[in-house]
Structure formats: C-alpha cells, structure tokens
Amino acid sequence: MSTLAVQGGPRAVPASLEKTFWPIVTEAEKRAVMAVLDRKVMWAMTTTEGLHCPEQDALEREFAEFLGARHALAVNGGTAGLHLALVAAGVEAGDEVITSAYSFLATPAAILHAGAIPVFVDIDARTWNLDPRLIEAKITPRTRAIMPVHIHGLCADWDAIAAIARKHNLLLVEDACQAPGATYHGRAAGRLGRAAGFSVNGTKNFSVGEGGFMVTDDDETYYRASWLKQVGETLPAANPTMRHQHLLAWNYRVQEMPCAFARAQLRRLAGVNETGRRNAAIIDGYLQGLKGFRAPQIPEGCVSVYHKYRITIVPDELDTPLRGAALRDAIMTALTAEGVDVDLWGTAPLPAHPMLARRHGFGKGFPWRLHPEQKYEYRAEDYPVTLHMFANSFCLTNDEHPIYAQSEKVMHAYGEALRKVASHAGELAAAAAWQTAT
C-alpha cells in the first residue's frame, strides 16, 4: 500500500467522504418537540386526577414495550436510573455491591449514592465484561448485590453470574446504560435482573441529550422506585403495602420536551442498532486474518448493539518494537492521519479514580467508615486484565461519528485504513519518534 498519511502519504479515507454526525435529528423530532410547546404541558403537572405528563407516560410505556418489560420509569440521567434500580431493589447503606472494574464512573457513583460500598472484579479478556470466575472471591457477609455492566452494548455472562447470585442469595441489578436493544439468549438487556438502569445520554445509540430509565418486571421494585423518583410525592395506583411507607426520596423527574424527543428517537432505535451490527460486520471482515488486530468477540447467543467497537492489538504479530500504550498511541495517531475516528474511552480501571482510591465518597470516610474493621483498598494494579486491555486496545469511531450512524462507504474506507496501517507497522516507531521530536 502507499505511504502512511502520517508520513506524508495520501489518506485512506478521502476528506470528501462525508461522515454522519450524531445524534441524527429528523423532522419527526422537531415536530414532536414543537407539539409539546403548543400543548403547554412542560412537566408532570399535578391535577385532581394525579400527574398529567402525556409524553413521559407514553415514553415509559413505549420503552417498556421495546424491551418487553413490565415497567419503565423515565429519569433525568443514567446515574439516576442506576441509583433507583439499586435502592428500589433493596440495596442499603453499608451493603457491598460487586461490579466491574471497567465502566464509566457512574457505575460506582450510583453504588455510593445508595450509601453502599463498591467492590470491583476484573474483566474477561475476551468480552471486557466482569469475569464471573472472580466474583466469589469478592463476596463477604456484607455483600448484598452484584451489578454487572453490559459494556459496549454486549450483555455480561449472565447465566454464570446468576448462578453465583442464587448460591449466595444476592440481588442482581443491571448496568444496561450502553445496551438498549442488546439481548442475551433471546432475553433483553434490562430484563435479566431485579432491576436495571439505562442511559439516553447524547453519546448513546438511544440519544436524547441527557436522561435515563429504571426498568423492572417486579411490581414492588417499581412502586418503590416511583416514590423515590417523585420526591416521595406520589405513587402510581400504589400497592397497598406501599401507602404508609415514607422513604427518603430524590427528584429524578423529567421534562416533557426531552420525552417527546426521546419517543421519536426510540422509533428509530431498532434501525440504529441494525446499522451498528451491519457496520461491525464490515469491519469484522477486514480484521479477519489481519495480523496484529482482533475484532470484538461476541459470544454465541448474544446480540450486541455496539455502543463501542473496541479493537484489540496483538503486538507480537506486528513488525514493530513498540509495545503497550506506545504502540496503541502510534496506531491511533496513524489511523487519525488516515482520516479514521478513534477513541480510547478510558485509560485506567475504575478503582484508580481519586474518588475511590482516596475514598472521598460523601466525605469523612462515608460509606466506608460503616465498617471500620474492614480496610477497603482500591488499586489499579489489582486489575491486570483491565490494565492490559487499556494498553492494548482502542475504539474505532468516536462519540461524534459513532459506528451505528455511518454509511457502508465510510466503514469500507476505515477497513482499508486498518489494513494500510497494519502493513506499515514497521514504520510506526519511526513515525512516533518523528512526532515526539517535532
């Protein structure tokens, strides 16, 4: 192939090839938002018959139907959805919740908001979801729940995790923030555990800007979450056992305009997910047999929505002395010069974050001081698989131009760029040195 673009050669992805910016906003979204303005019902208004919020009610019903779930509550963020799922399911202050060392910071933050203590498990080297084989070593008498993360839109190894939860009588709460539409052996993400949290942040394949959901098939969990969401103000046709319970609640309510926008986006979500799978298959084809690169592994029976498409680097197959982060960065620089969007999406295991490593939490040692006899330590080096993943992988596409929004032409151009960079691996060290010097 021709000279690498980073060394002055022509780009593999022509500058004239248009990429699709995310999110995609159509006339349907614009009409939906304008209809709310015309209706002049901007929030959940209290009437003699209860709360009047037609867009929110419809969105909750339609998202539940999309998943095949019994209940969905729209909330103002994915973190809020995770927090509600944990507390409504029964997690309390001082409980320990086991989760993955690889996720967005919202995962342990939601656990801390519940007054609980996050306990991390390293990941599976193939799927980047938490490794079920490591869970039982982290269970203590204080463990109340496991919160698997369906990372990058791929469901965690649910049957193995559920077997452990049953054995130890633990709650299962899903972090499905990246996985609306993903399935595990025919079951939808969000319907595998007691409750689940979803995100509709602007970077997600179900993109609203900000917002989220708490989803459950359990009536009691739904009633509790409804109370917690509404500042303890009201309950939906409440279960009699809830009428006299008064729980500390939060304001996780949503507005009508984002709900209207979300309903329009939801109607296209299945198509967005299908585009992501089509484009992932195109890149899979380019990577098949290509030395030095591995496509994401999707276990049999799982359907991913490819919130991220993470490529693994195999240094020993490439003609370069570079290793680890140095090689990763050189490859990302070369691909960027070729016109390819790439992203790291994280650089260290969650336990390395100062909020956890220094045990800031709510201040004054809470919630860790609830168990003064236990010394909780959060060290990145305790999660070697996660560290190795960060040093030896990168995400193809980025938040502005995600894989589930691009044309086939863009994907084929990206595939050719990957092949080009792999074929010039021996020049990456020199290119990296030249860039450092300049």
Protein backbone atom coordinates (compact mmCIF):
# COMPACT_ATOMS: atom_id res chain seq x y z
CA MET A 1 0.00 0.00 0.00
CA SER A 2 1.01 3.66 -0.35
CA THR A 3 2.93 5.64 2.25
CA LEU A 4 1.25 6.26 5.60
CA ALA A 5 -0.58 9.60 5.77
CA VAL A 6 1.28 10.41 8.98
CA GLN A 7 4.46 10.30 6.87
CA GLY A 8 3.01 12.44 4.10
CA GLY A 9 1.18 9.85 2.02
CA PRO A 10 -2.43 10.07 0.78
CA ARG A 11 -5.25 9.43 3.24
CA ALA A 12 -7.09 6.11 3.10
CA VAL A 13 -10.31 7.93 3.98
CA PRO A 14 -10.84 10.75 1.48
CA ALA A 15 -11.60 14.13 3.04
CA SER A 16 -14.59 14.32 0.71
CA LEU A 17 -16.18 11.20 2.24
CA GLU A 18 -18.91 12.54 4.50
CA LYS A 19 -19.34 11.10 7.98
CA THR A 20 -22.64 11.24 9.83
CA PHE A 21 -22.65 13.42 12.94
CA TRP A 22 -24.50 12.13 16.00
CA PRO A 23 -27.24 12.39 17.04
CA ILE A 24 -29.35 12.32 13.92
CA VAL A 25 -32.24 14.78 14.27
CA THR A 26 -35.10 14.45 11.79
CA GLU A 27 -38.28 16.40 11.17
CA ALA A 28 -40.08 13.89 13.39
CA GLU A 29 -38.06 15.02 16.44
CA LYS A 30 -38.67 18.67 15.62
CA ARG A 31 -42.43 18.18 15.25
CA ALA A 32 -42.57 16.21 18.49
CA VAL A 33 -40.87 18.98 20.46
CA MET A 34 -42.99 21.71 18.88
CA ALA A 35 -46.16 19.79 19.77
CA VAL A 36 -45.14 19.98 23.44
CA LEU A 37 -44.68 23.72 23.19
CA ASP A 38 -48.09 24.06 21.57
CA ARG A 39 -49.69 21.88 24.25
CA LYS A 40 -48.03 23.95 27.02
CA VAL A 41 -47.63 20.97 29.31
CA MET A 42 -43.91 21.22 30.02
CA TRP A 43 -43.56 18.98 33.08
CA ALA A 44 -45.51 16.50 35.20
CA MET A 45 -48.35 18.76 36.31
CA THR A 46 -50.43 17.83 39.35
CA THR A 47 -54.18 17.60 38.74
CA THR A 48 -57.13 16.29 40.72
CA GLU A 49 -56.66 13.00 38.83
CA GLY A 50 -52.93 12.74 39.52
CA LEU A 51 -49.88 13.68 37.46
CA HIS A 52 -50.53 14.91 33.91
CA CYS A 53 -47.50 14.19 31.72
CA PRO A 54 -48.61 12.67 28.40
CA GLU A 55 -45.14 12.48 26.79
CA GLN A 56 -43.50 10.93 29.85
CA ASP A 57 -46.29 8.39 30.27
CA ALA A 58 -46.12 7.42 26.61
CA LEU A 59 -42.31 7.20 26.62
CA GLU A 60 -42.28 4.93 29.66
CA ARG A 61 -44.91 2.68 28.12
CA GLU A 62 -43.15 2.55 24.74
CA PHE A 63 -39.69 1.85 26.17
CA ALA A 64 -41.11 -0.93 28.34
CA GLU A 65 -42.75 -2.38 25.22
CA PHE A 66 -39.46 -2.09 23.28
CA LEU A 67 -37.75 -4.22 25.92
CA GLY A 68 -40.73 -6.45 26.65
CA ALA A 69 -40.56 -5.25 30.25
CA ARG A 70 -43.40 -4.75 32.72
CA HIS A 71 -42.33 -1.32 33.98
CA ALA A 72 -40.08 1.55 32.89
CA LEU A 73 -39.54 4.85 34.70
CA ALA A 74 -38.04 7.79 32.81
CA VAL A 75 -35.49 9.67 34.90
CA ASN A 76 -33.12 12.60 34.37
CA GLY A 77 -29.91 10.60 33.87
CA GLY A 78 -28.37 7.17 33.58
CA THR A 79 -26.77 7.57 37.01
CA ALA A 80 -30.22 8.27 38.43
CA GLY A 81 -31.55 5.14 36.74
CA LEU A 82 -28.80 3.02 38.27
CA HIS A 83 -29.27 4.59 41.71
CA LEU A 84 -33.03 3.99 41.64
CA ALA A 85 -32.51 0.41 40.49
CA LEU A 86 -30.16 -0.33 43.36
CA VAL A 87 -32.19 1.32 46.13
CA ALA A 88 -35.59 0.14 44.89
CA ALA A 89 -34.22 -3.42 44.62
CA GLY A 90 -33.17 -3.31 48.26
CA VAL A 91 -29.56 -2.12 48.49
CA GLU A 92 -28.98 -0.13 51.67
CA ALA A 93 -26.23 1.88 53.36
CA GLY A 94 -23.28 -0.28 54.35
CA ASP A 95 -24.03 -3.04 51.85
CA GLU A 96 -21.33 -4.12 49.43
CA VAL A 97 -22.11 -4.23 45.71
CA ILE A 98 -19.84 -6.16 43.36
CA THR A 99 -19.33 -4.63 39.92
CA SER A 100 -16.88 -4.40 37.03
CA ALA A 101 -13.51 -2.65 37.16
CA TYR A 102 -14.23 -1.40 33.63
CA SER A 103 -17.11 1.00 33.15
CA PHE A 104 -18.00 4.68 33.27
CA LEU A 105 -17.67 6.39 36.66
CA ALA A 106 -21.47 6.47 37.01
CA THR A 107 -21.44 2.77 37.90
CA PRO A 108 -19.63 3.07 41.26
CA ALA A 109 -21.10 6.56 41.81
CA ALA A 110 -24.61 5.07 41.82
CA ILE A 111 -23.49 2.48 44.38
CA LEU A 112 -22.08 5.23 46.60
CA HIS A 113 -25.26 7.29 46.23
CA ALA A 114 -27.07 4.33 47.77
CA GLY A 115 -24.67 4.51 50.71
CA ALA A 116 -23.21 1.19 49.62
CA ILE A 117 -19.60 0.21 49.00
CA PRO A 118 -18.36 -0.71 45.51
CA VAL A 119 -16.27 -3.88 45.28
CA PHE A 120 -14.60 -4.41 41.93
CA VAL A 121 -13.94 -7.51 39.85
CA ASP A 122 -11.50 -7.72 36.95
CA ILE A 123 -12.79 -8.33 33.44
CA ASP A 124 -12.87 -11.19 30.96
CA ALA A 125 -10.10 -10.70 28.39
CA ARG A 126 -12.46 -11.65 25.55
CA THR A 127 -15.59 -9.60 26.24
CA TRP A 128 -14.41 -6.88 28.68
CA ASN A 129 -17.37 -7.66 30.92
CA LEU A 130 -16.73 -8.66 34.53
CA ASP A 131 -15.28 -12.15 34.85
CA PRO A 132 -17.71 -14.49 36.70
CA ARG A 133 -14.80 -16.70 37.74
CA LEU A 134 -13.52 -13.93 40.02
CA ILE A 135 -16.77 -12.97 41.73
CA GLU A 136 -16.96 -15.45 44.59
CA ALA A 137 -13.56 -14.42 45.95
CA LYS A 138 -15.02 -10.93 46.50
CA ILE A 139 -18.19 -12.00 48.34
CA THR A 140 -18.33 -11.24 52.07
CA PRO A 141 -21.13 -11.32 54.67
CA ARG A 142 -21.79 -7.68 53.74
CA THR A 143 -22.33 -8.37 50.02
CA ARG A 144 -25.91 -7.54 49.04
CA ALA A 145 -25.86 -7.34 45.25
CA ILE A 146 -23.95 -7.83 42.02
CA MET A 147 -24.24 -5.14 39.35
CA PRO A 148 -22.86 -6.46 36.04
CA VAL A 149 -22.17 -3.89 33.34
CA HIS A 150 -23.21 -4.69 29.77
CA ILE A 151 -20.14 -2.91 28.47
CA HIS A 152 -20.04 -1.54 24.90
CA GLY A 153 -23.57 -2.88 24.34
CA LEU A 154 -22.71 -6.56 24.97
CA CYS A 155 -24.52 -8.43 27.74
CA ALA A 156 -22.42 -9.82 30.57
CA ASP A 157 -22.11 -13.60 31.06
CA TRP A 158 -25.48 -13.67 32.76
CA ASP A 159 -26.15 -17.35 33.42
CA ALA A 160 -22.81 -17.78 35.21
CA ILE A 161 -23.37 -14.61 37.24
CA ALA A 162 -26.96 -15.52 38.09
CA ALA A 163 -25.86 -18.95 39.36
CA ILE A 164 -23.48 -17.26 41.80
CA ALA A 165 -26.18 -14.81 42.90
CA ARG A 166 -28.62 -17.65 43.61
CA LYS A 167 -25.99 -19.60 45.54
CA HIS A 168 -25.27 -16.62 47.82
CA ASN A 169 -28.78 -15.10 47.86
CA LEU A 170 -27.68 -11.86 46.21
CA LEU A 171 -29.65 -9.27 44.28
CA LEU A 172 -28.84 -8.75 40.60
CA VAL A 173 -29.07 -5.22 39.23
CA GLU A 174 -28.01 -4.45 35.66
CA ASP A 175 -25.99 -1.53 34.39
CA ALA A 176 -27.54 -1.54 30.93
CA CYS A 177 -26.68 2.09 30.18
CA GLN A 178 -24.91 1.16 26.93
CA ALA A 179 -27.18 -1.69 25.91
CA PRO A 180 -30.75 -0.77 24.89
CA GLY A 181 -31.68 -3.46 22.37
CA ALA A 182 -28.91 -5.91 23.26
CA THR A 183 -30.01 -9.47 24.03
CA TYR A 184 -28.68 -12.49 25.91
CA HIS A 185 -30.01 -15.80 24.56
CA GLY A 186 -33.17 -14.06 23.42
CA ARG A 187 -33.68 -12.05 26.63
CA ALA A 188 -33.38 -8.28 26.50
CA ALA A 189 -30.74 -6.43 28.47
CA GLY A 190 -32.63 -4.78 31.30
CA ARG A 191 -34.84 -7.79 31.91
CA LEU A 192 -32.25 -10.17 33.30
CA GLY A 193 -32.04 -8.98 36.92
CA ARG A 194 -34.32 -7.48 39.56
CA ALA A 195 -33.91 -4.02 38.05
CA ALA A 196 -31.78 -2.15 35.54
CA GLY A 197 -30.58 1.34 34.72
CA PHE A 198 -30.33 2.75 31.19
CA SER A 199 -28.82 5.97 29.85
CA VAL A 200 -30.03 8.13 26.97
CA ASN A 201 -27.06 10.49 27.13
CA GLY A 202 -26.27 12.14 23.80
CA THR A 203 -23.42 9.70 23.15
CA LYS A 204 -25.66 6.62 23.36
CA ASN A 205 -27.31 4.80 20.48
CA PHE A 206 -30.63 5.86 22.08
CA SER A 207 -29.67 9.54 22.15
CA VAL A 208 -31.72 12.23 23.88
CA GLY A 209 -29.05 14.55 25.30
CA GLU A 210 -29.44 13.60 28.95
CA GLY A 211 -31.77 11.20 30.70
CA GLY A 212 -32.27 7.56 31.51
CA PHE A 213 -34.60 4.81 32.70
CA MET A 214 -35.10 2.45 35.59
CA VAL A 215 -36.63 -0.80 34.32
CA THR A 216 -38.07 -3.74 36.25
CA ASP A 217 -40.54 -6.61 35.96
CA ASP A 218 -41.10 -6.57 39.72
CA ASP A 219 -44.13 -4.59 40.93
CA GLU A 220 -42.78 -3.83 44.40
CA THR A 221 -39.48 -2.54 42.97
CA TYR A 222 -41.43 -0.35 40.58
CA TYR A 223 -43.59 1.16 43.34
CA ARG A 224 -40.57 1.94 45.47
CA ALA A 225 -38.70 3.49 42.53
CA SER A 226 -41.72 5.62 41.63
CA TRP A 227 -41.81 7.04 45.15
CA LEU A 228 -38.05 7.65 45.14
CA LYS A 229 -38.18 9.40 41.76
CA GLN A 230 -41.03 11.75 42.65
CA VAL A 231 -39.50 13.23 45.83
CA GLY A 232 -41.86 10.97 47.78
CA GLU A 233 -44.77 12.93 46.38
CA THR A 234 -46.97 10.32 44.77
CA LEU A 235 -47.28 6.67 43.87
CA PRO A 236 -48.81 5.14 40.72
CA ALA A 237 -52.02 3.28 41.71
CA ALA A 238 -49.98 2.22 44.68
CA ASN A 239 -49.66 -1.23 46.06
CA PRO A 240 -51.42 -1.09 49.47
CA THR A 241 -48.21 -2.21 51.19
CA MET A 242 -46.52 0.99 49.99
CA ARG A 243 -49.16 3.51 51.02
CA HIS A 244 -47.78 4.02 54.51
CA GLN A 245 -44.09 3.80 53.70
CA HIS A 246 -42.16 7.06 53.69
CA LEU A 247 -38.72 6.69 52.15
CA LEU A 248 -36.02 9.28 51.65
CA ALA A 249 -36.59 10.28 48.04
CA TRP A 250 -34.87 12.22 45.26
CA ASN A 251 -36.03 14.45 42.45
CA TYR A 252 -35.27 12.41 39.36
CA ARG A 253 -38.21 13.72 37.34
CA VAL A 254 -38.04 14.51 33.64
CA GLN A 255 -39.48 17.18 31.36
CA GLU A 256 -41.96 16.77 28.55
CA MET A 257 -39.84 18.12 25.68
CA PRO A 258 -36.97 15.62 26.16
CA CYS A 259 -39.55 12.86 26.50
CA ALA A 260 -41.15 13.86 23.19
CA PHE A 261 -37.71 13.95 21.55
CA ALA A 262 -36.93 10.54 23.05
CA ARG A 263 -40.13 8.99 21.69
CA ALA A 264 -39.12 10.00 18.16
CA GLN A 265 -35.61 8.62 18.67
CA LEU A 266 -36.98 5.38 20.11
CA ARG A 267 -38.99 4.72 16.94
CA ARG A 268 -35.69 4.58 15.02
CA LEU A 269 -33.62 2.75 17.66
CA ALA A 270 -34.03 -0.73 16.18
CA GLY A 271 -32.78 0.61 12.85
CA VAL A 272 -29.83 2.36 14.51
CA ASN A 273 -28.85 -0.87 16.23
CA GLU A 274 -29.13 -2.78 12.97
CA THR A 275 -26.84 -0.26 11.27
CA GLY A 276 -24.32 -0.75 14.07
CA ARG A 277 -24.37 -4.51 13.59
CA ARG A 278 -24.04 -4.15 9.80
CA ASN A 279 -21.07 -1.83 10.14
CA ALA A 280 -19.44 -4.00 12.79
CA ALA A 281 -19.73 -6.96 10.41
CA ILE A 282 -17.96 -4.94 7.71
CA ILE A 283 -15.03 -4.15 10.00
CA ASP A 284 -15.03 -7.75 11.27
CA GLY A 285 -14.45 -8.80 7.67
CA TYR A 286 -11.45 -6.52 7.26
CA LEU A 287 -9.93 -7.71 10.53
CA GLN A 288 -10.42 -11.40 9.81
CA GLY A 289 -6.96 -12.79 9.17
CA LEU A 290 -5.33 -9.37 9.57
CA LYS A 291 -2.21 -9.78 11.69
CA GLY A 292 -1.95 -7.56 14.73
CA PHE A 293 -5.64 -6.76 15.18
CA ARG A 294 -8.62 -8.59 16.66
CA ALA A 295 -12.30 -7.76 16.33
CA PRO A 296 -14.57 -7.74 19.41
CA GLN A 297 -15.71 -11.21 20.44
CA ILE A 298 -19.47 -11.69 20.65
CA PRO A 299 -20.32 -14.94 22.48
CA GLU A 300 -22.80 -17.30 20.88
CA GLY A 301 -26.35 -16.39 21.83
CA CYS A 302 -25.55 -12.71 22.41
CA VAL A 303 -26.58 -9.78 20.22
CA SER A 304 -24.56 -6.59 20.75
CA VAL A 305 -25.67 -3.07 19.92
CA TYR A 306 -22.02 -1.93 19.52
CA HIS A 307 -22.13 1.21 21.61
CA LYS A 308 -18.37 0.93 21.17
CA TYR A 309 -16.34 -1.18 18.74
CA ARG A 310 -13.10 -1.98 20.58
CA ILE A 311 -10.19 -3.45 18.60
CA THR A 312 -7.51 -5.46 20.38
CA ILE A 313 -3.89 -5.07 19.32
CA VAL A 314 -1.64 -8.14 19.20
CA PRO A 315 1.89 -6.63 19.23
CA ASP A 316 3.78 -9.88 18.58
CA GLU A 317 2.06 -10.17 15.18
CA LEU A 318 3.24 -6.73 14.06
CA ASP A 319 6.67 -5.84 12.69
CA THR A 320 7.45 -3.18 15.29
CA PRO A 321 9.46 -2.90 18.51
CA LEU A 322 6.71 -0.78 20.08
CA ARG A 323 4.64 -2.37 22.83
CA GLY A 324 1.75 -1.48 25.09
CA ALA A 325 0.46 2.10 25.21
CA ALA A 326 3.30 3.32 22.98
CA LEU A 327 2.15 1.03 20.16
CA ARG A 328 -1.52 1.79 20.80
CA ASP A 329 -0.90 5.53 20.60
CA ALA A 330 1.21 5.20 17.44
CA ILE A 331 -1.54 3.17 15.76
CA MET A 332 -4.22 5.66 16.81
CA THR A 333 -2.11 8.54 15.52
CA ALA A 334 -1.57 6.79 12.20
CA LEU A 335 -5.27 5.99 11.83
CA THR A 336 -6.26 9.56 12.68
CA ALA A 337 -3.93 10.82 9.96
CA GLU A 338 -5.63 8.40 7.55
CA GLY A 339 -8.98 10.06 8.36
CA VAL A 340 -10.26 7.43 10.81
CA ASP A 341 -12.03 8.43 14.02
CA VAL A 342 -10.63 6.58 17.02
CA ASP A 343 -11.08 6.88 20.78
CA LEU A 344 -9.57 5.49 23.99
CA TRP A 345 -12.76 5.55 26.09
CA GLY A 346 -10.99 5.30 29.40
CA THR A 347 -7.38 4.93 30.43
CA ALA A 348 -7.43 3.13 33.80
CA PRO A 349 -9.56 0.75 35.90
CA LEU A 350 -12.28 2.45 37.94
CA PRO A 351 -10.51 1.70 41.26
CA ALA A 352 -7.76 4.12 40.15
CA HIS A 353 -10.17 7.07 40.17
CA PRO A 354 -9.40 9.51 43.02
CA MET A 355 -12.99 9.33 44.28
CA LEU A 356 -12.33 5.68 45.09
CA ALA A 357 -8.57 5.41 45.52
CA ARG A 358 -8.71 8.17 48.14
CA ARG A 359 -12.11 7.05 49.41
CA HIS A 360 -13.65 10.50 49.13
CA GLY A 361 -17.24 9.32 48.81
CA PHE A 362 -19.50 11.66 50.78
CA GLY A 363 -16.60 12.91 52.87
CA LYS A 364 -15.41 11.90 56.35
CA GLY A 365 -14.95 8.35 55.15
CA PHE A 366 -18.59 7.59 54.39
CA PRO A 367 -19.72 4.95 53.45
CA TRP A 368 -16.51 3.02 54.17
CA ARG A 369 -16.47 4.05 57.84
CA LEU A 370 -19.61 1.98 58.35
CA HIS A 371 -17.23 -0.99 58.51
CA PRO A 372 -14.16 0.31 60.36
CA GLU A 373 -12.87 -3.23 60.81
CA GLN A 374 -12.55 -3.66 57.03
CA LYS A 375 -9.79 -1.89 55.11
CA TYR A 376 -11.08 -1.21 51.61
CA GLU A 377 -8.25 -0.62 49.14
CA TYR A 378 -8.65 0.41 45.53
CA ARG A 379 -5.51 -0.14 43.46
CA ALA A 380 -5.24 -0.26 39.70
CA GLU A 381 -2.60 -3.00 39.82
CA ASP A 382 -5.14 -5.41 41.30
CA TYR A 383 -6.92 -5.49 37.92
CA PRO A 384 -4.28 -6.68 35.45
CA VAL A 385 -6.67 -7.72 32.68
CA THR A 386 -8.29 -4.29 32.64
CA LEU A 387 -4.86 -2.62 32.61
CA HIS A 388 -3.77 -4.84 29.72
CA MET A 389 -6.92 -4.02 27.78
CA PHE A 390 -6.36 -0.27 28.07
CA ALA A 391 -2.73 -0.58 26.95
CA ASN A 392 -3.51 -2.87 24.02
CA SER A 393 -6.79 -1.71 22.50
CA PHE A 394 -8.68 1.27 21.14
CA CYS A 395 -12.19 2.07 19.96
CA LEU A 396 -12.91 2.52 16.28
CA THR A 397 -15.12 5.63 15.69
CA ASN A 398 -15.96 8.16 18.40
CA ASP A 399 -18.91 9.86 20.10
CA GLU A 400 -19.35 12.44 17.33
CA HIS A 401 -19.28 9.88 14.49
CA PRO A 402 -20.27 6.53 16.07
CA ILE A 403 -20.27 3.23 14.25
CA TYR A 404 -24.07 2.92 14.33
CA ALA A 405 -24.51 6.14 12.33
CA GLN A 406 -22.06 5.68 9.44
CA SER A 407 -22.51 4.61 5.84
CA GLU A 408 -21.08 1.42 4.40
CA LYS A 409 -18.67 3.53 2.34
CA VAL A 410 -17.17 5.04 5.48
CA MET A 411 -16.79 1.61 7.04
CA HIS A 412 -15.05 0.17 3.99
CA ALA A 413 -12.68 3.15 3.96
CA TYR A 414 -11.93 2.56 7.64
CA GLY A 415 -11.29 -1.10 6.91
CA GLU A 416 -8.79 -0.21 4.20
CA ALA A 417 -7.08 2.21 6.60
CA LEU A 418 -6.69 -0.54 9.19
CA ARG A 419 -5.09 -2.80 6.61
CA LYS A 420 -2.80 0.01 5.47
CA VAL A 421 -1.58 0.78 8.98
CA ALA A 422 -1.04 -2.91 9.74
CA SER A 423 1.01 -3.35 6.58
CA HIS A 424 3.23 -0.40 7.58
CA ALA A 425 3.65 -1.42 11.22
CA GLY A 426 7.43 -1.41 10.84
CA GLU A 427 7.33 2.35 10.22
CA LEU A 428 5.24 3.25 13.27
CA ALA A 429 8.21 3.54 15.63
CA ALA A 430 9.97 5.98 13.31
CA ALA A 431 6.79 7.98 12.84
CA ALA A 432 6.22 8.12 16.60
CA ALA A 433 9.82 9.27 17.17
CA TRP A 434 9.48 11.94 14.50
CA GLN A 435 6.28 13.25 16.04
CA THR A 436 7.84 13.36 19.50
CA ALA A 437 10.81 15.28 18.16
CA THR A 438 8.63 17.83 16.37
